[in-house]
Amino acid sequence: MKSPSGSRSTLRVKYVMKDILVNSTPVLCQSDNLAALLIELGYENAVVATAVNGEFVAQHSRGTSLLKTGDKVEILAPMQGG
């Protein structure tokens, strides 16, 4: 990409790191939403239940559930047994 002065410019993307708790463990993440956090943490294809700050977040709402520093995220996998 060229700038108005004719020289090449570099597009820089700034990631804002957030300090959050995931299952009571401190985590430093760059994800902006819950869906991205699950991918960042390796839960991309996992069947899990999620909550942010004690509020259940349905799978279809994870992409719009924005994260901020200090949030408390719970990721729960189903358990088998009886």
C-alpha atoms as a PDB file:
ATOM      1  CA  MET A   1       0.000   0.000   0.000  1.00  0.00           C
ATOM      2  CA  LYS A   2       1.312   3.450  -0.834  1.00  0.00           C
ATOM      3  CA  SER A   3       0.786   6.488   1.298  1.00  0.00           C
ATOM      4  CA  PRO A   4      -0.235   9.855  -0.183  1.00  0.00           C
ATOM      5  CA  SER A   5       3.442  10.845  -0.276  1.00  0.00           C
ATOM      6  CA  GLY A   6       4.176   7.866  -2.557  1.00  0.00           C
ATOM      7  CA  SER A   7       6.191   5.833  -0.058  1.00  0.00           C
ATOM      8  CA  ARG A   8       5.138   2.420   1.129  1.00  0.00           C
ATOM      9  CA  SER A   9       3.313   2.272   4.426  1.00  0.00           C
ATOM     10  CA  THR A  10       2.918  -0.674   6.756  1.00  0.00           C
ATOM     11  CA  LEU A  11      -0.430  -1.645   8.205  1.00  0.00           C
ATOM     12  CA  ARG A  12      -0.007  -2.333  11.889  1.00  0.00           C
ATOM     13  CA  VAL A  13      -2.529  -4.201  13.968  1.00  0.00           C
ATOM     14  CA  LYS A  14      -2.509  -3.549  17.687  1.00  0.00           C
ATOM     15  CA  TYR A  15      -3.678  -6.339  19.976  1.00  0.00           C
ATOM     16  CA  VAL A  16      -4.878  -5.347  23.400  1.00  0.00           C
ATOM     17  CA  MET A  17      -4.104  -8.013  25.949  1.00  0.00           C
ATOM     18  CA  LYS A  18      -6.666  -8.636  28.685  1.00  0.00           C
ATOM     19  CA  ASP A  19      -6.200 -10.132  32.142  1.00  0.00           C
ATOM     20  CA  ILE A  20      -9.162 -12.423  32.783  1.00  0.00           C
ATOM     21  CA  LEU A  21      -9.938 -15.486  34.887  1.00  0.00           C
ATOM     22  CA  VAL A  22     -10.780 -18.754  33.139  1.00  0.00           C
ATOM     23  CA  ASN A  23     -12.104 -21.395  35.517  1.00  0.00           C
ATOM     24  CA  SER A  24     -10.513 -19.387  38.375  1.00  0.00           C
ATOM     25  CA  THR A  25      -7.074 -19.389  36.673  1.00  0.00           C
ATOM     26  CA  PRO A  26      -5.505 -16.062  35.614  1.00  0.00           C
ATOM     27  CA  VAL A  27      -5.139 -15.868  31.819  1.00  0.00           C
ATOM     28  CA  LEU A  28      -3.663 -13.142  29.617  1.00  0.00           C
ATOM     29  CA  CYS A  29      -5.554 -13.230  26.305  1.00  0.00           C
ATOM     30  CA  GLN A  30      -5.886 -11.136  23.155  1.00  0.00           C
ATOM     31  CA  SER A  31      -9.405 -12.312  22.234  1.00  0.00           C
ATOM     32  CA  ASP A  32     -12.143  -9.700  21.969  1.00  0.00           C
ATOM     33  CA  ASN A  33     -15.049 -12.106  22.371  1.00  0.00           C
ATOM     34  CA  LEU A  34     -15.861 -15.465  23.911  1.00  0.00           C
ATOM     35  CA  ALA A  35     -15.819 -17.379  20.601  1.00  0.00           C
ATOM     36  CA  ALA A  36     -12.295 -16.144  19.848  1.00  0.00           C
ATOM     37  CA  LEU A  37     -11.177 -16.977  23.389  1.00  0.00           C
ATOM     38  CA  LEU A  38     -12.329 -20.572  23.000  1.00  0.00           C
ATOM     39  CA  ILE A  39     -10.246 -20.857  19.822  1.00  0.00           C
ATOM     40  CA  GLU A  40      -7.268 -19.163  21.497  1.00  0.00           C
ATOM     41  CA  LEU A  41      -7.439 -21.668  24.376  1.00  0.00           C
ATOM     42  CA  GLY A  42      -7.813 -24.729  22.119  1.00  0.00           C
ATOM     43  CA  TYR A  43     -11.549 -25.366  22.568  1.00  0.00           C
ATOM     44  CA  GLU A  44     -12.389 -24.659  18.909  1.00  0.00           C
ATOM     45  CA  ASN A  45     -14.356 -27.879  18.250  1.00  0.00           C
ATOM     46  CA  ALA A  46     -15.140 -28.843  21.850  1.00  0.00           C
ATOM     47  CA  VAL A  47     -18.682 -29.203  23.127  1.00  0.00           C
ATOM     48  CA  VAL A  48     -18.700 -26.959  26.197  1.00  0.00           C
ATOM     49  CA  ALA A  49     -21.003 -24.746  28.223  1.00  0.00           C
ATOM     50  CA  THR A  50     -19.807 -21.202  28.856  1.00  0.00           C
ATOM     51  CA  ALA A  51     -20.501 -18.347  31.231  1.00  0.00           C
ATOM     52  CA  VAL A  52     -19.068 -14.856  31.632  1.00  0.00           C
ATOM     53  CA  ASN A  53     -19.311 -13.197  35.042  1.00  0.00           C
ATOM     54  CA  GLY A  54     -21.822 -15.805  36.179  1.00  0.00           C
ATOM     55  CA  GLU A  55     -24.155 -15.400  33.188  1.00  0.00           C
ATOM     56  CA  PHE A  56     -24.671 -18.369  30.841  1.00  0.00           C
ATOM     57  CA  VAL A  57     -23.617 -17.610  27.236  1.00  0.00           C
ATOM     58  CA  ALA A  58     -25.258 -19.776  24.579  1.00  0.00           C
ATOM     59  CA  GLN A  59     -23.117 -21.085  21.726  1.00  0.00           C
ATOM     60  CA  HIS A  60     -24.814 -18.814  19.162  1.00  0.00           C
ATOM     61  CA  SER A  61     -24.051 -15.738  21.316  1.00  0.00           C
ATOM     62  CA  ARG A  62     -20.341 -16.333  21.948  1.00  0.00           C
ATOM     63  CA  GLY A  63     -19.204 -14.203  18.990  1.00  0.00           C
ATOM     64  CA  THR A  64     -21.059 -11.179  20.344  1.00  0.00           C
ATOM     65  CA  SER A  65     -20.129 -11.736  24.004  1.00  0.00           C
ATOM     66  CA  LEU A  66     -17.343  -9.148  24.354  1.00  0.00           C
ATOM     67  CA  LEU A  67     -14.564  -9.646  26.883  1.00  0.00           C
ATOM     68  CA  LYS A  68     -12.832  -7.039  29.011  1.00  0.00           C
ATOM     69  CA  THR A  69     -10.092  -7.072  31.615  1.00  0.00           C
ATOM     70  CA  GLY A  70     -11.312  -8.566  34.878  1.00  0.00           C
ATOM     71  CA  ASP A  71     -13.981 -10.824  33.362  1.00  0.00           C
ATOM     72  CA  LYS A  72     -14.535 -14.244  34.920  1.00  0.00           C
ATOM     73  CA  VAL A  73     -15.075 -16.925  32.278  1.00  0.00           C
ATOM     74  CA  GLU A  74     -16.239 -20.461  33.020  1.00  0.00           C
ATOM     75  CA  ILE A  75     -15.768 -23.223  30.456  1.00  0.00           C
ATOM     76  CA  LEU A  76     -17.455 -26.486  31.397  1.00  0.00           C
ATOM     77  CA  ALA A  77     -17.246 -29.792  29.541  1.00  0.00           C
ATOM     78  CA  PRO A  78     -20.041 -32.349  29.923  1.00  0.00           C
ATOM     79  CA  MET A  79     -19.289 -35.201  32.311  1.00  0.00           C
ATOM     80  CA  GLN A  80     -20.287 -38.812  31.903  1.00  0.00           C
ATOM     81  CA  GLY A  81     -21.182 -41.083  34.711  1.00  0.00           C
ATOM     82  CA  GLY A  82     -24.039 -42.059  36.850  1.00  0.00           C
END
